[in-house]
C-alpha cells in the first residue's frame, strides 16, 4: 500500500516539526483521500467503527483486506466476461 507509506512519511515529518495527530484524526484523513469507488467502505467504517478506539494498524489492515477482496472480485468478474465472450465467438464461428 504505497499510499499508506507516503501518508506515514508525511505525518512523521509533521510530527518532527511539532504537529501531533490523534489516531482518530489520522484515520479521518485517510478516509478523506480514498477514491470515490471506496465510498461504500468509507461510510461503513464511519458508521460502524469508533475511530477513537481503533488502532492505525487495525484500520490499515481493514482497508487492505477490503482492497484485496475488491481486486479478487474484479479479476473473477473479468474472467467471467472473457469466458462469455469466448463462448459467444465460438457460437458465431460455428454458424
Protein backbone atom coordinates (compact mmCIF):
# COMPACT_ATOMS: atom_id res chain seq x y z
CA UNK A 1 0.00 0.00 0.00
CA UNK A 2 2.16 2.79 -1.32
CA UNK A 3 -0.38 5.43 -0.31
CA UNK A 4 -0.10 4.43 3.33
CA UNK A 5 3.71 4.64 3.23
CA UNK A 6 3.57 8.18 1.83
CA UNK A 7 0.94 9.16 4.39
CA UNK A 8 3.08 7.80 7.23
CA UNK A 9 6.12 9.65 5.93
CA UNK A 10 4.23 12.96 5.80
CA UNK A 11 2.73 12.55 9.26
CA UNK A 12 6.13 11.59 10.69
CA UNK A 13 7.67 14.71 9.15
CA UNK A 14 4.89 16.86 10.62
CA UNK A 15 5.38 15.14 13.97
CA UNK A 16 9.07 16.03 13.93
CA UNK A 17 8.05 19.66 13.37
CA UNK A 18 5.84 19.54 16.45
CA UNK A 19 2.43 18.83 14.91
CA UNK A 20 0.82 15.79 16.51
CA UNK A 21 -2.33 13.97 15.44
CA UNK A 22 -4.67 11.66 17.31
CA UNK A 23 -5.45 8.26 15.85
CA UNK A 24 -8.94 9.48 15.06
CA UNK A 25 -7.59 12.47 13.11
CA UNK A 26 -5.23 10.25 11.12
CA UNK A 27 -8.00 7.76 10.33
CA UNK A 28 -10.32 10.55 9.18
CA UNK A 29 -7.58 11.99 6.96
CA UNK A 30 -7.06 8.59 5.32
CA UNK A 31 -10.79 8.18 4.77
CA UNK A 32 -10.97 11.62 3.17
CA UNK A 33 -8.47 10.90 0.41
CA UNK A 34 -9.65 7.42 -0.55
CA UNK A 35 -11.01 7.28 -4.12
CA UNK A 36 -14.72 7.70 -4.77
CA UNK A 37 -15.00 3.99 -5.60
CA UNK A 38 -14.36 3.31 -1.90
CA UNK A 39 -17.32 5.43 -0.78
CA UNK A 40 -19.33 2.44 0.48
CA UNK A 41 -16.41 1.25 2.61
CA UNK A 42 -15.75 4.75 3.97
CA UNK A 43 -19.38 5.08 5.00
CA UNK A 44 -19.37 1.65 6.61
CA UNK A 45 -16.24 2.45 8.63
CA UNK A 46 -17.57 5.82 9.74
CA UNK A 47 -20.85 4.32 10.90
CA UNK A 48 -19.61 1.07 12.41
CA UNK A 49 -16.24 1.88 13.93
CA UNK A 50 -15.33 4.11 16.81
CA UNK A 51 -12.35 5.85 15.21
CA UNK A 52 -11.05 6.85 18.64
CA UNK A 53 -10.81 3.23 19.75
CA UNK A 54 -9.29 1.65 16.64
CA UNK A 55 -5.52 1.41 16.21
CA UNK A 56 -3.93 2.59 12.97
CA UNK A 57 -2.62 -0.92 12.28
CA UNK A 58 -6.11 -2.38 12.65
CA UNK A 59 -7.51 0.39 10.47
CA UNK A 60 -4.86 -0.19 7.81
CA UNK A 61 -5.46 -3.95 7.91
CA UNK A 62 -9.16 -3.40 7.44
CA UNK A 63 -8.55 -1.26 4.35
CA UNK A 64 -6.01 -3.71 2.92
CA UNK A 65 -8.42 -6.62 3.37
CA UNK A 66 -11.10 -4.67 1.54
CA UNK A 67 -8.67 -3.80 -1.25
CA UNK A 68 -7.62 -7.45 -1.68
CA UNK A 69 -11.26 -8.59 -1.76
CA UNK A 70 -12.12 -5.93 -4.37
CA UNK A 71 -9.17 -6.93 -6.56
CA UNK A 72 -10.10 -10.62 -6.32
CA UNK A 73 -13.73 -9.92 -7.25
CA UNK A 74 -12.64 -7.71 -10.14
CA UNK A 75 -10.38 -10.46 -11.53
CA UNK A 76 -13.13 -13.05 -11.14
CA UNK A 77 -15.61 -10.78 -12.92
CA UNK A 78 -13.10 -10.20 -15.75
CA UNK A 79 -12.62 -13.95 -16.19
CA UNK A 80 -16.38 -14.47 -16.41
CA UNK A 81 -16.67 -11.78 -19.09
CA UNK A 82 -13.81 -13.30 -21.09
CA UNK A 83 -15.45 -16.74 -20.79
CA UNK A 84 -18.76 -15.39 -22.05
CA UNK A 85 -17.04 -13.64 -24.97
CA UNK A 86 -15.20 -16.82 -25.94
CA UNK A 87 -18.40 -18.85 -25.88
CA UNK A 88 -20.15 -16.22 -27.99
CA UNK A 89 -17.32 -16.19 -30.53
CA UNK A 90 -17.37 -19.99 -30.74
CA UNK A 91 -21.11 -19.93 -31.45
CA UNK A 92 -20.65 -17.28 -34.12
CA UNK A 93 -17.77 -19.21 -35.68
CA UNK A 94 -19.92 -22.38 -35.96
CA UNK A 95 -22.63 -20.60 -37.91
